[in-house]
Amino acid sequence: PKVKIEVVIAEDMLERAVDAIVKAARTGKIGDGKIFVTS
């Protein structure tokens, strides 16, 4: 079981949003997940 979030943001917020997700979702163990960015 996993959860998937989808969010559409302005390009100038992209780096901050990705960093926020990585920091909040990371446990340091296998299975932490993936982030996909598309236009």
PDB file of all heavy atoms in Angstrom:
ATOM      1  N   PRO A   1       0.826  -1.213   0.000  1.00  0.00           N
ATOM      2  CA  PRO A   1       0.000   0.000   0.000  1.00  0.00           C
ATOM      3  C   PRO A   1       0.862   1.266   0.000  1.00  0.00           C
ATOM      4  O   PRO A   1       1.852   1.352   0.716  1.00  0.00           O
ATOM      5  CB  PRO A   1      -0.807  -0.117   1.291  1.00  0.00           C
ATOM      6  CG  PRO A   1      -0.028  -1.033   2.158  1.00  0.00           C
ATOM      7  CD  PRO A   1       0.730  -1.954   1.250  1.00  0.00           C
ATOM      8  N   LYS A   2       0.487   2.205  -0.830  1.00  0.00           N
ATOM      9  CA  LYS A   2       1.150   3.510  -0.921  1.00  0.00           C
ATOM     10  C   LYS A   2       0.069   4.564  -1.115  1.00  0.00           C
ATOM     11  O   LYS A   2      -1.092   4.240  -1.331  1.00  0.00           O
ATOM     12  CB  LYS A   2       2.093   3.563  -2.140  1.00  0.00           C
ATOM     13  CG  LYS A   2       3.159   2.493  -2.200  1.00  0.00           C
ATOM     14  CD  LYS A   2       4.265   2.760  -1.235  1.00  0.00           C
ATOM     15  CE  LYS A   2       5.338   1.677  -1.382  1.00  0.00           C
ATOM     16  NZ  LYS A   2       6.419   1.842  -0.461  1.00  0.00           N
ATOM     17  N   VAL A   3       0.443   5.820  -1.030  1.00  0.00           N
ATOM     18  CA  VAL A   3      -0.452   6.903  -1.421  1.00  0.00           C
ATOM     19  C   VAL A   3       0.216   7.683  -2.539  1.00  0.00           C
ATOM     20  O   VAL A   3       1.443   7.772  -2.618  1.00  0.00           O
ATOM     21  CB  VAL A   3      -0.828   7.860  -0.259  1.00  0.00           C
ATOM     22  CG1 VAL A   3      -1.666   7.161   0.777  1.00  0.00           C
ATOM     23  CG2 VAL A   3       0.388   8.476   0.356  1.00  0.00           C
ATOM     24  N   LYS A   4      -0.623   8.232  -3.412  1.00  0.00           N
ATOM     25  CA  LYS A   4      -0.123   9.074  -4.499  1.00  0.00           C
ATOM     26  C   LYS A   4      -0.790  10.427  -4.364  1.00  0.00           C
ATOM     27  O   LYS A   4      -2.014  10.509  -4.246  1.00  0.00           O
ATOM     28  CB  LYS A   4      -0.450   8.470  -5.860  1.00  0.00           C
ATOM     29  CG  LYS A   4       0.007   9.355  -7.016  1.00  0.00           C
ATOM     30  CD  LYS A   4      -0.093   8.662  -8.352  1.00  0.00           C
ATOM     31  CE  LYS A   4      -1.465   8.760  -8.932  1.00  0.00           C
ATOM     32  NZ  LYS A   4      -1.528   8.325 -10.341  1.00  0.00           N
ATOM     33  N   ILE A   5       0.023  11.469  -4.351  1.00  0.00           N
ATOM     34  CA  ILE A   5      -0.538  12.815  -4.374  1.00  0.00           C
ATOM     35  C   ILE A   5      -0.224  13.426  -5.726  1.00  0.00           C
ATOM     36  O   ILE A   5       0.806  13.136  -6.330  1.00  0.00           O
ATOM     37  CB  ILE A   5      -0.017  13.716  -3.233  1.00  0.00           C
ATOM     38  CG1 ILE A   5       1.489  13.937  -3.343  1.00  0.00           C
ATOM     39  CG2 ILE A   5      -0.412  13.169  -1.876  1.00  0.00           C
ATOM     40  CD1 ILE A   5       1.991  15.080  -2.500  1.00  0.00           C
ATOM     41  N   GLU A   6      -1.136  14.257  -6.188  1.00  0.00           N
ATOM     42  CA  GLU A   6      -0.956  14.991  -7.425  1.00  0.00           C
ATOM     43  C   GLU A   6      -1.224  16.455  -7.129  1.00  0.00           C
ATOM     44  O   GLU A   6      -2.223  16.789  -6.498  1.00  0.00           O
ATOM     45  CB  GLU A   6      -1.921  14.494  -8.493  1.00  0.00           C
ATOM     46  CG  GLU A   6      -1.707  13.038  -8.861  1.00  0.00           C
ATOM     47  CD  GLU A   6      -2.785  12.514  -9.787  1.00  0.00           C
ATOM     48  OE1 GLU A   6      -2.707  12.795 -10.998  1.00  0.00           O
ATOM     49  OE2 GLU A   6      -3.699  11.852  -9.289  1.00  0.00           O
ATOM     50  N   VAL A   7      -0.326  17.306  -7.584  1.00  0.00           N
ATOM     51  CA  VAL A   7      -0.479  18.739  -7.369  1.00  0.00           C
ATOM     52  C   VAL A   7       0.064  19.472  -8.589  1.00  0.00           C
ATOM     53  O   VAL A   7       1.100  19.101  -9.133  1.00  0.00           O
ATOM     54  CB  VAL A   7       0.208  19.195  -6.055  1.00  0.00           C
ATOM     55  CG1 VAL A   7       1.686  18.899  -6.074  1.00  0.00           C
ATOM     56  CG2 VAL A   7      -0.032  20.654  -5.772  1.00  0.00           C
ATOM     57  N   VAL A   8      -0.660  20.491  -9.039  1.00  0.00           N
ATOM     58  CA  VAL A   8      -0.217  21.327 -10.155  1.00  0.00           C
ATOM     59  C   VAL A   8       0.174  22.678  -9.570  1.00  0.00           C
ATOM     60  O   VAL A   8      -0.602  23.291  -8.836  1.00  0.00           O
ATOM     61  CB  VAL A   8      -1.318  21.475 -11.220  1.00  0.00           C
ATOM     62  CG1 VAL A   8      -0.875  22.434 -12.320  1.00  0.00           C
ATOM     63  CG2 VAL A   8      -1.676  20.124 -11.801  1.00  0.00           C
ATOM     64  N   ILE A   9       1.382  23.113  -9.906  1.00  0.00           N
ATOM     65  CA  ILE A   9       1.910  24.346  -9.329  1.00  0.00           C
ATOM     66  C   ILE A   9       2.595  25.186 -10.404  1.00  0.00           C
ATOM     67  O   ILE A   9       2.898  24.704 -11.490  1.00  0.00           O
ATOM     68  CB  ILE A   9       2.921  24.054  -8.194  1.00  0.00           C
ATOM     69  CG1 ILE A   9       4.054  23.185  -8.724  1.00  0.00           C
ATOM     70  CG2 ILE A   9       2.242  23.412  -7.012  1.00  0.00           C
ATOM     71  CD1 ILE A   9       5.196  23.037  -7.755  1.00  0.00           C
ATOM     72  N   ALA A  10       2.846  26.432 -10.065  1.00  0.00           N
ATOM     73  CA  ALA A  10       3.615  27.312 -10.951  1.00  0.00           C
ATOM     74  C   ALA A  10       5.073  26.855 -10.943  1.00  0.00           C
ATOM     75  O   ALA A  10       5.560  26.318  -9.944  1.00  0.00           O
ATOM     76  CB  ALA A  10       3.517  28.754 -10.460  1.00  0.00           C
ATOM     77  N   GLU A  11       5.759  27.068 -12.057  1.00  0.00           N
ATOM     78  CA  GLU A  11       7.142  26.586 -12.188  1.00  0.00           C
ATOM     79  C   GLU A  11       8.071  27.172 -11.133  1.00  0.00           C
ATOM     80  O   GLU A  11       9.005  26.506 -10.701  1.00  0.00           O
ATOM     81  CB  GLU A  11       7.680  26.881 -13.586  1.00  0.00           C
ATOM     82  CG  GLU A  11       7.110  25.938 -14.616  1.00  0.00           C
ATOM     83  CD  GLU A  11       7.854  25.977 -15.939  1.00  0.00           C
ATOM     84  OE1 GLU A  11       9.101  25.955 -15.919  1.00  0.00           O
ATOM     85  OE2 GLU A  11       7.173  26.024 -16.967  1.00  0.00           O
ATOM     86  N   ASP A  12       7.827  28.401 -10.699  1.00  0.00           N
ATOM     87  CA  ASP A  12       8.723  29.007  -9.714  1.00  0.00           C
ATOM     88  C   ASP A  12       8.613  28.360  -8.333  1.00  0.00           C
ATOM     89  O   ASP A  12       9.472  28.574  -7.485  1.00  0.00           O
ATOM     90  CB  ASP A  12       8.493  30.526  -9.624  1.00  0.00           C
ATOM     91  CG  ASP A  12       7.082  30.892  -9.181  1.00  0.00           C
ATOM     92  OD1 ASP A  12       6.173  30.059  -9.298  1.00  0.00           O
ATOM     93  OD2 ASP A  12       6.899  32.037  -8.731  1.00  0.00           O
ATOM     94  N   MET A  13       7.576  27.564  -8.104  1.00  0.00           N
ATOM     95  CA  MET A  13       7.420  26.862  -6.825  1.00  0.00           C
ATOM     96  C   MET A  13       7.912  25.420  -6.877  1.00  0.00           C
ATOM     97  O   MET A  13       7.937  24.732  -5.853  1.00  0.00           O
ATOM     98  CB  MET A  13       5.945  26.839  -6.407  1.00  0.00           C
ATOM     99  CG  MET A  13       5.392  28.163  -5.982  1.00  0.00           C
ATOM    100  SD  MET A  13       3.711  27.988  -5.356  1.00  0.00           S
ATOM    101  CE  MET A  13       3.974  27.012  -3.885  1.00  0.00           C
ATOM    102  N   LEU A  14       8.305  24.958  -8.049  1.00  0.00           N
ATOM    103  CA  LEU A  14       8.626  23.543  -8.239  1.00  0.00           C
ATOM    104  C   LEU A  14       9.704  23.042  -7.288  1.00  0.00           C
ATOM    105  O   LEU A  14       9.505  22.049  -6.588  1.00  0.00           O
ATOM    106  CB  LEU A  14       9.042  23.280  -9.690  1.00  0.00           C
ATOM    107  CG  LEU A  14       9.439  21.833 -10.002  1.00  0.00           C
ATOM    108  CD1 LEU A  14       8.264  20.901  -9.788  1.00  0.00           C
ATOM    109  CD2 LEU A  14       9.959  21.729 -11.414  1.00  0.00           C
ATOM    110  N   GLU A  15      10.827  23.714  -7.247  1.00  0.00           N
ATOM    111  CA  GLU A  15      11.936  23.236  -6.421  1.00  0.00           C
ATOM    112  C   GLU A  15      11.569  23.182  -4.943  1.00  0.00           C
ATOM    113  O   GLU A  15      11.868  22.204  -4.252  1.00  0.00           O
ATOM    114  CB  GLU A  15      13.164  24.129  -6.630  1.00  0.00           C
ATOM    115  CG  GLU A  15      14.427  23.522  -6.083  1.00  0.00           C
ATOM    116  CD  GLU A  15      15.662  24.316  -6.455  1.00  0.00           C
ATOM    117  OE1 GLU A  15      15.723  24.838  -7.588  1.00  0.00           O
ATOM    118  OE2 GLU A  15      16.569  24.403  -5.610  1.00  0.00           O
ATOM    119  N   ARG A  16      10.879  24.213  -4.455  1.00  0.00           N
ATOM    120  CA  ARG A  16      10.470  24.226  -3.041  1.00  0.00           C
ATOM    121  C   ARG A  16       9.495  23.105  -2.742  1.00  0.00           C
ATOM    122  O   ARG A  16       9.563  22.470  -1.687  1.00  0.00           O
ATOM    123  CB  ARG A  16       9.848  25.571  -2.673  1.00  0.00           C
ATOM    124  CG  ARG A  16      10.867  26.694  -2.585  1.00  0.00           C
ATOM    125  CD  ARG A  16      10.254  27.978  -2.111  1.00  0.00           C
ATOM    126  NE  ARG A  16       9.316  28.456  -3.132  1.00  0.00           N
ATOM    127  CZ  ARG A  16       8.261  29.214  -2.888  1.00  0.00           C
ATOM    128  NH1 ARG A  16       7.995  29.601  -1.669  1.00  0.00           N
ATOM    129  NH2 ARG A  16       7.483  29.601  -3.865  1.00  0.00           N
ATOM    130  N   ALA A  17       8.557  22.835  -3.676  1.00  0.00           N
ATOM    131  CA  ALA A  17       7.568  21.785  -3.459  1.00  0.00           C
ATOM    132  C   ALA A  17       8.225  20.409  -3.452  1.00  0.00           C
ATOM    133  O   ALA A  17       7.927  19.576  -2.574  1.00  0.00           O
ATOM    134  CB  ALA A  17       6.486  21.852  -4.530  1.00  0.00           C
ATOM    135  N   VAL A  18       9.113  20.160  -4.384  1.00  0.00           N
ATOM    136  CA  VAL A  18       9.805  18.868  -4.430  1.00  0.00           C
ATOM    137  C   VAL A  18      10.643  18.676  -3.172  1.00  0.00           C
ATOM    138  O   VAL A  18      10.625  17.601  -2.559  1.00  0.00           O
ATOM    139  CB  VAL A  18      10.664  18.746  -5.713  1.00  0.00           C
ATOM    140  CG1 VAL A  18      11.579  17.534  -5.637  1.00  0.00           C
ATOM    141  CG2 VAL A  18       9.768  18.648  -6.941  1.00  0.00           C
ATOM    142  N   ASP A  19      11.367  19.708  -2.755  1.00  0.00           N
ATOM    143  CA  ASP A  19      12.161  19.610  -1.522  1.00  0.00           C
ATOM    144  C   ASP A  19      11.284  19.326  -0.312  1.00  0.00           C
ATOM    145  O   ASP A  19      11.646  18.513   0.547  1.00  0.00           O
ATOM    146  CB  ASP A  19      12.958  20.899  -1.288  1.00  0.00           C
ATOM    147  CG  ASP A  19      14.130  21.059  -2.252  1.00  0.00           C
ATOM    148  OD1 ASP A  19      14.502  20.068  -2.910  1.00  0.00           O
ATOM    149  OD2 ASP A  19      14.649  22.195  -2.351  1.00  0.00           O
ATOM    150  N   ALA A  20      10.136  19.978  -0.234  1.00  0.00           N
ATOM    151  CA  ALA A  20       9.224  19.766   0.890  1.00  0.00           C
ATOM    152  C   ALA A  20       8.721  18.320   0.916  1.00  0.00           C
ATOM    153  O   ALA A  20       8.667  17.697   1.985  1.00  0.00           O
ATOM    154  CB  ALA A  20       8.044  20.735   0.807  1.00  0.00           C
ATOM    155  N   ILE A  21       8.379  17.782  -0.239  1.00  0.00           N
ATOM    156  CA  ILE A  21       7.894  16.397  -0.303  1.00  0.00           C
ATOM    157  C   ILE A  21       9.001  15.428   0.099  1.00  0.00           C
ATOM    158  O   ILE A  21       8.780  14.511   0.903  1.00  0.00           O
ATOM    159  CB  ILE A  21       7.361  16.060  -1.713  1.00  0.00           C
ATOM    160  CG1 ILE A  21       6.107  16.879  -2.019  1.00  0.00           C
ATOM    161  CG2 ILE A  21       7.059  14.565  -1.834  1.00  0.00           C
ATOM    162  CD1 ILE A  21       5.670  16.832  -3.473  1.00  0.00           C
ATOM    163  N   VAL A  22      10.196  15.629  -0.433  1.00  0.00           N
ATOM    164  CA  VAL A  22      11.312  14.732  -0.124  1.00  0.00           C
ATOM    165  C   VAL A  22      11.603  14.733   1.374  1.00  0.00           C
ATOM    166  O   VAL A  22      11.730  13.674   1.994  1.00  0.00           O
ATOM    167  CB  VAL A  22      12.573  15.119  -0.928  1.00  0.00           C
ATOM    168  CG1 VAL A  22      13.800  14.388  -0.415  1.00  0.00           C
ATOM    169  CG2 VAL A  22      12.374  14.818  -2.397  1.00  0.00           C
ATOM    170  N   LYS A  23      11.689  15.905   1.962  1.00  0.00           N
ATOM    171  CA  LYS A  23      12.003  15.989   3.393  1.00  0.00           C
ATOM    172  C   LYS A  23      10.916  15.360   4.248  1.00  0.00           C
ATOM    173  O   LYS A  23      11.195  14.692   5.243  1.00  0.00           O
ATOM    174  CB  LYS A  23      12.222  17.444   3.802  1.00  0.00           C
ATOM    175  CG  LYS A  23      13.530  18.000   3.304  1.00  0.00           C
ATOM    176  CD  LYS A  23      13.684  19.463   3.657  1.00  0.00           C
ATOM    177  CE  LYS A  23      14.955  20.014   3.022  1.00  0.00           C
ATOM    178  NZ  LYS A  23      15.013  21.469   3.060  1.00  0.00           N
ATOM    179  N   ALA A  24       9.650  15.560   3.879  1.00  0.00           N
ATOM    180  CA  ALA A  24       8.544  15.049   4.688  1.00  0.00           C
ATOM    181  C   ALA A  24       8.322  13.551   4.496  1.00  0.00           C
ATOM    182  O   ALA A  24       7.919  12.862   5.431  1.00  0.00           O
ATOM    183  CB  ALA A  24       7.262  15.808   4.356  1.00  0.00           C
ATOM    184  N   ALA A  25       8.586  13.025   3.309  1.00  0.00           N
ATOM    185  CA  ALA A  25       8.282  11.619   3.021  1.00  0.00           C
ATOM    186  C   ALA A  25       9.440  10.667   3.301  1.00  0.00           C
ATOM    187  O   ALA A  25       9.238   9.463   3.395  1.00  0.00           O
ATOM    188  CB  ALA A  25       7.845  11.475   1.562  1.00  0.00           C
ATOM    189  N   ARG A  26      10.627  11.186   3.445  1.00  0.00           N
ATOM    190  CA  ARG A  26      11.816  10.323   3.604  1.00  0.00           C
ATOM    191  C   ARG A  26      11.862   9.646   4.966  1.00  0.00           C
ATOM    192  O   ARG A  26      11.700  10.288   5.989  1.00  0.00           O
ATOM    193  CB  ARG A  26      13.080  11.140   3.399  1.00  0.00           C
ATOM    194  CG  ARG A  26      14.364  10.325   3.611  1.00  0.00           C
ATOM    195  CD  ARG A  26      15.602  11.135   3.391  1.00  0.00           C
ATOM    196  NE  ARG A  26      15.759  11.332   1.949  1.00  0.00           N
ATOM    197  CZ  ARG A  26      16.356  12.387   1.417  1.00  0.00           C
ATOM    198  NH1 ARG A  26      16.809  13.353   2.188  1.00  0.00           N
ATOM    199  NH2 ARG A  26      16.482  12.476   0.114  1.00  0.00           N
ATOM    200  N   THR A  27      12.073   8.334   4.947  1.00  0.00           N
ATOM    201  CA  THR A  27      12.347   7.578   6.178  1.00  0.00           C
ATOM    202  C   THR A  27      13.775   7.062   6.165  1.00  0.00           C
ATOM    203  O   THR A  27      14.291   6.657   7.197  1.00  0.00           O
ATOM    204  CB  THR A  27      11.398   6.373   6.337  1.00  0.00           C
ATOM    205  OG1 THR A  27      11.672   5.414   5.309  1.00  0.00           O
ATOM    206  CG2 THR A  27       9.948   6.787   6.309  1.00  0.00           C
ATOM    207  N   GLY A  28      14.389   7.019   4.980  1.00  0.00           N
ATOM    208  CA  GLY A  28      15.736   6.487   4.854  1.00  0.00           C
ATOM    209  C   GLY A  28      15.767   4.994   4.594  1.00  0.00           C
ATOM    210  O   GLY A  28      16.821   4.391   4.489  1.00  0.00           O
ATOM    211  N   LYS A  29      14.588   4.390   4.475  1.00  0.00           N
ATOM    212  CA  LYS A  29      14.497   2.949   4.242  1.00  0.00           C
ATOM    213  C   LYS A  29      13.968   2.686   2.845  1.00  0.00           C
ATOM    214  O   LYS A  29      13.342   3.547   2.227  1.00  0.00           O
ATOM    215  CB  LYS A  29      13.586   2.303   5.278  1.00  0.00           C
ATOM    216  CG  LYS A  29      14.114   2.437   6.686  1.00  0.00           C
ATOM    217  CD  LYS A  29      13.256   1.718   7.672  1.00  0.00           C
ATOM    218  CE  LYS A  29      13.914   1.835   9.040  1.00  0.00           C
ATOM    219  NZ  LYS A  29      12.972   2.064  10.093  1.00  0.00           N
ATOM    220  N   ILE A  30      14.180   1.481   2.370  1.00  0.00           N
ATOM    221  CA  ILE A  30      13.709   1.095   1.047  1.00  0.00           C
ATOM    222  C   ILE A  30      12.187   1.246   0.991  1.00  0.00           C
ATOM    223  O   ILE A  30      11.493   1.007   1.980  1.00  0.00           O
ATOM    224  CB  ILE A  30      14.159  -0.345   0.706  1.00  0.00           C
ATOM    225  CG1 ILE A  30      13.993  -0.621  -0.770  1.00  0.00           C
ATOM    226  CG2 ILE A  30      13.466  -1.359   1.571  1.00  0.00           C
ATOM    227  CD1 ILE A  30      14.714  -1.855  -1.254  1.00  0.00           C
ATOM    228  N   GLY A  31      11.683   1.688  -0.145  1.00  0.00           N
ATOM    229  CA  GLY A  31      10.243   1.861  -0.303  1.00  0.00           C
ATOM    230  C   GLY A  31       9.735   3.250   0.014  1.00  0.00           C
ATOM    231  O   GLY A  31       8.530   3.464   0.123  1.00  0.00           O
ATOM    232  N   ASP A  32      10.640   4.219   0.162  1.00  0.00           N
ATOM    233  CA  ASP A  32      10.217   5.597   0.464  1.00  0.00           C
ATOM    234  C   ASP A  32       9.394   6.212  -0.654  1.00  0.00           C
ATOM    235  O   ASP A  32       8.578   7.075  -0.407  1.00  0.00           O
ATOM    236  CB  ASP A  32      11.420   6.491   0.755  1.00  0.00           C
ATOM    237  CG  ASP A  32      11.842   6.441   2.219  1.00  0.00           C
ATOM    238  OD1 ASP A  32      11.133   5.832   3.029  1.00  0.00           O
ATOM    239  OD2 ASP A  32      12.883   7.034   2.530  1.00  0.00           O
ATOM    240  N   GLY A  33       9.601   5.773  -1.901  1.00  0.00           N
ATOM    241  CA  GLY A  33       8.744   6.237  -2.985  1.00  0.00           C
ATOM    242  C   GLY A  33       9.475   6.968  -4.082  1.00  0.00           C
ATOM    243  O   GLY A  33      10.704   6.972  -4.152  1.00  0.00           O
ATOM    244  N   LYS A  34       8.680   7.614  -4.937  1.00  0.00           N
ATOM    245  CA  LYS A  34       9.201   8.320  -6.102  1.00  0.00           C
ATOM    246  C   LYS A  34       8.414   9.604  -6.319  1.00  0.00           C
ATOM    247  O   LYS A  34       7.261   9.721  -5.914  1.00  0.00           O
ATOM    248  CB  LYS A  34       9.041   7.476  -7.367  1.00  0.00           C
ATOM    249  CG  LYS A  34       9.854   6.204  -7.414  1.00  0.00           C
ATOM    250  CD  LYS A  34      10.981   6.366  -8.377  1.00  0.00           C
ATOM    251  CE  LYS A  34      11.847   5.148  -8.606  1.00  0.00           C
ATOM    252  NZ  LYS A  34      11.762   4.014  -7.823  1.00  0.00           N
ATOM    253  N   ILE A  35       9.050  10.547  -7.022  1.00  0.00           N
ATOM    254  CA  ILE A  35       8.390  11.790  -7.428  1.00  0.00           C
ATOM    255  C   ILE A  35       8.569  11.917  -8.939  1.00  0.00           C
ATOM    256  O   ILE A  35       9.676  11.750  -9.453  1.00  0.00           O
ATOM    257  CB  ILE A  35       9.003  13.013  -6.723  1.00  0.00           C
ATOM    258  CG1 ILE A  35       8.807  12.910  -5.211  1.00  0.00           C
ATOM    259  CG2 ILE A  35       8.390  14.305  -7.270  1.00  0.00           C
ATOM    260  CD1 ILE A  35       9.513  13.994  -4.421  1.00  0.00           C
ATOM    261  N   PHE A  36       7.466  12.204  -9.626  1.00  0.00           N
ATOM    262  CA  PHE A  36       7.483  12.419 -11.067  1.00  0.00           C
ATOM    263  C   PHE A  36       7.021  13.847 -11.344  1.00  0.00           C
ATOM    264  O   PHE A  36       6.014  14.284 -10.788  1.00  0.00           O
ATOM    265  CB  PHE A  36       6.551  11.438 -11.785  1.00  0.00           C
ATOM    266  CG  PHE A  36       6.861   9.998 -11.472  1.00  0.00           C
ATOM    267  CD1 PHE A  36       6.153   9.324 -10.487  1.00  0.00           C
ATOM    268  CD2 PHE A  36       7.849   9.316 -12.166  1.00  0.00           C
ATOM    269  CE1 PHE A  36       6.435   7.999 -10.198  1.00  0.00           C
ATOM    270  CE2 PHE A  36       8.133   7.992 -11.887  1.00  0.00           C
ATOM    271  CZ  PHE A  36       7.425   7.325 -10.897  1.00  0.00           C
ATOM    272  N   VAL A  37       7.738  14.555 -12.204  1.00  0.00           N
ATOM    273  CA  VAL A  37       7.389  15.932 -12.553  1.00  0.00           C
ATOM    274  C   VAL A  37       7.147  15.989 -14.051  1.00  0.00           C
ATOM    275  O   VAL A  37       7.982  15.550 -14.842  1.00  0.00           O
ATOM    276  CB  VAL A  37       8.508  16.916 -12.159  1.00  0.00           C
ATOM    277  CG1 VAL A  37       8.135  18.330 -12.571  1.00  0.00           C
ATOM    278  CG2 VAL A  37       8.802  16.835 -10.672  1.00  0.00           C
ATOM    279  N   THR A  38       5.978  16.517 -14.439  1.00  0.00           N
ATOM    280  CA  THR A  38       5.644  16.659 -15.853  1.00  0.00           C
ATOM    281  C   THR A  38       5.134  18.072 -16.118  1.00  0.00           C
ATOM    282  O   THR A  38       4.709  18.777 -15.203  1.00  0.00           O
ATOM    283  CB  THR A  38       4.563  15.644 -16.287  1.00  0.00           C
ATOM    284  OG1 THR A  38       3.423  15.779 -15.428  1.00  0.00           O
ATOM    285  CG2 THR A  38       5.066  14.218 -16.205  1.00  0.00           C
ATOM    286  N   SER A  39       5.164  18.467 -17.371  1.00  0.00           N
ATOM    287  CA  SER A  39       4.657  19.779 -17.758  1.00  0.00           C
ATOM    288  C   SER A  39       3.150  19.733 -17.956  1.00  0.00           C
ATOM    289  O   SER A  39       2.604  18.729 -18.403  1.00  0.00           O
ATOM    290  CB  SER A  39       5.310  20.233 -19.064  1.00  0.00           C
ATOM    291  OG  SER A  39       6.671  20.464 -18.859  1.00  0.00           O
TER     292      SER A  39
END
